[in-house]
């Protein structure tokens, strides 16, 4: 399922226009993005938690040259499914 399919589903189930459903989806996505950018977790009870994780610096190999390179530490978003969501997937 992709974003446009989710928007269609929201519009149909909530009996709202696709424009309103799109705005709602965009507000949700932007709220998650801005909170993660601010270093805050986003928890949706029964669904899961969006968090930031730090990936340590490490050595890698440039595939074109075969030379060793240093890959710097970085922060990456993570999602952990909640207990209810995990229970639906067997």
N, C-alpha and C. Protein backbone atom coordinates (compact mmCIF):
# COMPACT_ATOMS: atom_id res chain seq x y z
N UNK A 1 0.86 -1.17 0.00
CA UNK A 1 0.00 0.00 0.00
C UNK A 1 0.90 1.23 0.00
N UNK A 2 0.58 2.19 -0.84
CA UNK A 2 1.37 3.41 -0.89
C UNK A 2 0.56 4.60 -0.37
N UNK A 3 1.18 5.77 -0.40
CA UNK A 3 0.56 6.96 0.18
C UNK A 3 -0.78 7.28 -0.47
N UNK A 4 -0.87 7.22 -1.80
CA UNK A 4 -2.12 7.57 -2.46
C UNK A 4 -3.23 6.58 -2.13
N UNK A 5 -2.88 5.31 -1.95
CA UNK A 5 -3.88 4.31 -1.56
C UNK A 5 -4.36 4.55 -0.13
N UNK A 6 -3.45 4.96 0.74
CA UNK A 6 -3.84 5.29 2.12
C UNK A 6 -4.77 6.49 2.13
N UNK A 7 -4.45 7.50 1.31
CA UNK A 7 -5.30 8.69 1.23
C UNK A 7 -6.69 8.33 0.74
N UNK A 8 -6.77 7.48 -0.28
CA UNK A 8 -8.09 7.04 -0.78
C UNK A 8 -8.87 6.31 0.31
N UNK A 9 -8.19 5.46 1.07
CA UNK A 9 -8.83 4.72 2.15
C UNK A 9 -9.35 5.67 3.23
N UNK A 10 -8.53 6.64 3.63
CA UNK A 10 -8.94 7.63 4.64
C UNK A 10 -10.16 8.40 4.14
N UNK A 11 -10.11 8.86 2.88
CA UNK A 11 -11.22 9.63 2.33
C UNK A 11 -12.52 8.82 2.34
N UNK A 12 -12.42 7.56 1.96
CA UNK A 12 -13.61 6.70 1.91
C UNK A 12 -14.13 6.38 3.31
N UNK A 13 -13.24 5.95 4.23
CA UNK A 13 -13.67 5.54 5.57
C UNK A 13 -14.16 6.71 6.42
N UNK A 14 -13.52 7.89 6.25
CA UNK A 14 -13.90 9.06 7.06
C UNK A 14 -14.96 9.91 6.36
N UNK A 15 -15.33 9.50 5.13
CA UNK A 15 -16.31 10.23 4.35
C UNK A 15 -15.92 11.70 4.19
N UNK A 16 -14.66 11.91 3.78
CA UNK A 16 -14.16 13.26 3.52
C UNK A 16 -13.58 13.28 2.10
N UNK A 17 -13.27 14.48 1.63
CA UNK A 17 -12.70 14.60 0.29
C UNK A 17 -11.25 14.10 0.28
N UNK A 18 -10.76 13.80 -0.91
CA UNK A 18 -9.36 13.38 -1.03
C UNK A 18 -8.43 14.51 -0.63
N UNK A 19 -8.86 15.74 -0.89
CA UNK A 19 -8.04 16.90 -0.52
C UNK A 19 -7.88 16.96 1.00
N UNK A 20 -8.96 16.77 1.73
CA UNK A 20 -8.91 16.78 3.19
C UNK A 20 -8.08 15.60 3.71
N UNK A 21 -8.25 14.44 3.11
CA UNK A 21 -7.48 13.26 3.51
C UNK A 21 -5.99 13.48 3.24
N UNK A 22 -5.65 14.10 2.11
CA UNK A 22 -4.26 14.40 1.78
C UNK A 22 -3.66 15.37 2.79
N UNK A 23 -4.43 16.40 3.14
CA UNK A 23 -3.96 17.36 4.14
C UNK A 23 -3.72 16.68 5.47
N UNK A 24 -4.61 15.79 5.87
CA UNK A 24 -4.46 15.06 7.13
C UNK A 24 -3.22 14.18 7.12
N UNK A 25 -3.00 13.49 6.02
CA UNK A 25 -1.83 12.63 5.88
C UNK A 25 -0.55 13.47 5.93
N UNK A 26 -0.54 14.59 5.22
CA UNK A 26 0.63 15.46 5.21
C UNK A 26 0.93 16.03 6.61
N UNK A 27 -0.11 16.40 7.34
CA UNK A 27 0.06 16.91 8.71
C UNK A 27 0.68 15.83 9.59
N UNK A 28 0.20 14.60 9.48
CA UNK A 28 0.75 13.50 10.26
C UNK A 28 2.22 13.26 9.94
N UNK A 29 2.54 13.15 8.65
CA UNK A 29 3.92 12.88 8.24
C UNK A 29 4.84 14.02 8.68
N UNK A 30 4.40 15.26 8.51
CA UNK A 30 5.22 16.40 8.92
C UNK A 30 5.40 16.46 10.43
N UNK A 31 4.39 16.05 11.19
CA UNK A 31 4.52 16.01 12.65
C UNK A 31 5.56 14.99 13.08
N UNK A 32 5.55 13.83 12.45
CA UNK A 32 6.55 12.80 12.76
C UNK A 32 7.94 13.32 12.39
N UNK A 33 8.09 13.89 11.20
CA UNK A 33 9.38 14.40 10.75
C UNK A 33 9.92 15.48 11.68
N UNK A 34 9.09 16.46 12.02
CA UNK A 34 9.57 17.58 12.83
C UNK A 34 9.92 17.14 14.25
N UNK A 35 9.17 16.21 14.81
CA UNK A 35 9.49 15.72 16.15
C UNK A 35 10.78 14.91 16.15
N UNK A 36 10.98 14.07 15.14
CA UNK A 36 12.23 13.32 15.05
C UNK A 36 13.41 14.26 14.84
N UNK A 37 13.23 15.29 14.00
CA UNK A 37 14.29 16.27 13.77
C UNK A 37 14.66 17.01 15.05
N UNK A 38 13.68 17.17 15.95
CA UNK A 38 13.92 17.84 17.23
C UNK A 38 14.43 16.86 18.30
N UNK A 39 14.61 15.60 17.92
CA UNK A 39 15.13 14.60 18.85
C UNK A 39 14.07 13.98 19.75
N UNK A 40 12.81 14.16 19.40
CA UNK A 40 11.71 13.61 20.20
C UNK A 40 11.17 12.33 19.57
N UNK A 41 10.72 11.42 20.41
CA UNK A 41 10.08 10.19 19.94
C UNK A 41 8.62 10.47 19.64
N UNK A 42 8.03 9.68 18.75
CA UNK A 42 6.60 9.77 18.44
C UNK A 42 6.00 8.40 18.71
N UNK A 43 5.09 8.33 19.70
CA UNK A 43 4.47 7.07 20.07
C UNK A 43 2.98 7.10 19.75
N UNK A 44 2.53 6.09 19.03
CA UNK A 44 1.11 5.94 18.72
C UNK A 44 0.68 4.63 19.37
N UNK A 45 -0.05 4.75 20.46
CA UNK A 45 -0.46 3.59 21.24
C UNK A 45 -1.21 2.60 20.35
N UNK A 46 -0.81 1.34 20.44
CA UNK A 46 -1.43 0.28 19.66
C UNK A 46 -0.83 0.14 18.27
N UNK A 47 0.03 1.08 17.88
CA UNK A 47 0.65 1.01 16.56
C UNK A 47 2.16 0.86 16.66
N UNK A 48 2.82 1.84 17.29
CA UNK A 48 4.27 1.74 17.43
C UNK A 48 4.92 3.05 17.79
N UNK A 49 6.25 3.05 17.78
CA UNK A 49 7.03 4.22 18.18
C UNK A 49 8.09 4.52 17.14
N UNK A 50 8.15 5.78 16.74
CA UNK A 50 9.21 6.28 15.87
C UNK A 50 10.28 6.89 16.76
N UNK A 51 11.54 6.48 16.59
CA UNK A 51 12.64 6.98 17.40
C UNK A 51 13.83 7.31 16.51
N UNK A 52 14.82 7.96 17.12
CA UNK A 52 16.09 8.19 16.45
C UNK A 52 17.12 7.25 17.04
N UNK A 53 17.97 6.72 16.20
CA UNK A 53 19.04 5.85 16.64
C UNK A 53 20.33 6.39 16.07
N UNK A 54 21.42 6.23 16.80
CA UNK A 54 22.72 6.69 16.31
C UNK A 54 23.48 5.50 15.74
N UNK A 55 23.88 5.64 14.50
CA UNK A 55 24.68 4.62 13.84
C UNK A 55 26.14 5.04 14.01
N UNK A 56 26.94 4.19 14.61
CA UNK A 56 28.34 4.51 14.91
C UNK A 56 29.17 4.67 13.64
N UNK A 57 30.23 5.45 13.75
CA UNK A 57 31.17 5.58 12.64
C UNK A 57 31.80 4.21 12.39
N UNK A 58 32.14 3.96 11.13
CA UNK A 58 32.70 2.66 10.80
C UNK A 58 33.56 2.77 9.54
N UNK A 59 34.33 1.75 9.31
CA UNK A 59 35.15 1.69 8.10
C UNK A 59 34.36 0.98 7.01
N UNK A 60 34.56 1.44 5.78
CA UNK A 60 33.90 0.82 4.65
C UNK A 60 34.87 0.72 3.49
N UNK A 61 34.38 0.24 2.37
CA UNK A 61 35.21 0.09 1.19
C UNK A 61 34.52 0.77 0.02
N UNK A 62 35.25 1.62 -0.69
CA UNK A 62 34.73 2.23 -1.90
C UNK A 62 34.68 1.14 -2.97
N UNK A 63 33.48 0.78 -3.46
CA UNK A 63 33.38 -0.32 -4.41
C UNK A 63 34.05 -0.05 -5.76
N UNK A 64 34.23 1.22 -6.12
CA UNK A 64 34.86 1.54 -7.41
C UNK A 64 36.37 1.41 -7.36
N UNK A 65 36.95 1.83 -6.21
CA UNK A 65 38.41 1.82 -6.11
C UNK A 65 38.96 0.72 -5.23
N UNK A 66 38.13 0.18 -4.35
CA UNK A 66 38.57 -0.85 -3.41
C UNK A 66 39.31 -0.28 -2.21
N UNK A 67 39.41 1.06 -2.14
CA UNK A 67 40.11 1.70 -1.03
C UNK A 67 39.22 1.78 0.20
N UNK A 68 39.86 1.73 1.36
CA UNK A 68 39.16 1.84 2.63
C UNK A 68 38.75 3.30 2.85
N UNK A 69 37.50 3.50 3.31
CA UNK A 69 37.01 4.84 3.61
C UNK A 69 36.40 4.85 5.01
N UNK A 70 36.34 6.01 5.61
CA UNK A 70 35.73 6.17 6.93
C UNK A 70 34.32 6.70 6.73
N UNK A 71 33.32 5.97 7.23
CA UNK A 71 31.92 6.38 7.15
C UNK A 71 31.59 7.03 8.50
N UNK A 72 31.19 8.31 8.50
CA UNK A 72 30.96 9.00 9.77
C UNK A 72 29.70 8.51 10.50
N UNK A 73 29.64 8.79 11.80
CA UNK A 73 28.45 8.47 12.59
C UNK A 73 27.28 9.29 12.08
N UNK A 74 26.09 8.74 12.19
CA UNK A 74 24.89 9.45 11.73
C UNK A 74 23.68 9.01 12.55
N UNK A 75 22.66 9.86 12.54
CA UNK A 75 21.40 9.51 13.20
C UNK A 75 20.44 9.00 12.14
N UNK A 76 19.71 7.94 12.47
CA UNK A 76 18.76 7.35 11.54
C UNK A 76 17.42 7.13 12.24
N UNK A 77 16.30 7.30 11.51
CA UNK A 77 15.01 7.03 12.11
C UNK A 77 14.75 5.53 12.21
N UNK A 78 14.06 5.14 13.25
CA UNK A 78 13.69 3.74 13.46
C UNK A 78 12.20 3.68 13.82
N UNK A 79 11.60 2.53 13.54
CA UNK A 79 10.21 2.29 13.93
C UNK A 79 10.16 0.96 14.65
N UNK A 80 9.54 0.96 15.82
CA UNK A 80 9.32 -0.28 16.57
C UNK A 80 7.82 -0.49 16.68
N UNK A 81 7.34 -1.60 16.15
CA UNK A 81 5.92 -1.91 16.19
C UNK A 81 5.46 -2.13 17.62
N UNK A 82 4.27 -1.66 17.94
CA UNK A 82 3.68 -1.86 19.25
C UNK A 82 3.15 -3.27 19.40
N UNK A 83 2.82 -3.62 20.65
CA UNK A 83 2.36 -4.97 20.96
C UNK A 83 1.11 -5.35 20.17
N UNK A 84 0.17 -4.44 20.04
CA UNK A 84 -1.07 -4.72 19.31
C UNK A 84 -0.78 -5.01 17.84
N UNK A 85 0.07 -4.20 17.23
CA UNK A 85 0.41 -4.40 15.81
C UNK A 85 1.17 -5.71 15.63
N UNK A 86 2.11 -5.99 16.52
CA UNK A 86 2.86 -7.25 16.43
C UNK A 86 1.92 -8.45 16.58
N UNK A 87 0.89 -8.31 17.40
CA UNK A 87 -0.06 -9.41 17.59
C UNK A 87 -0.88 -9.72 16.36
N UNK A 88 -1.04 -8.74 15.47
CA UNK A 88 -1.81 -8.96 14.24
C UNK A 88 -1.01 -9.71 13.18
N UNK A 89 0.30 -9.66 13.32
CA UNK A 89 1.16 -10.28 12.32
C UNK A 89 1.74 -11.56 12.93
N UNK A 90 1.34 -12.69 12.40
CA UNK A 90 1.78 -13.96 12.99
C UNK A 90 2.94 -14.51 12.23
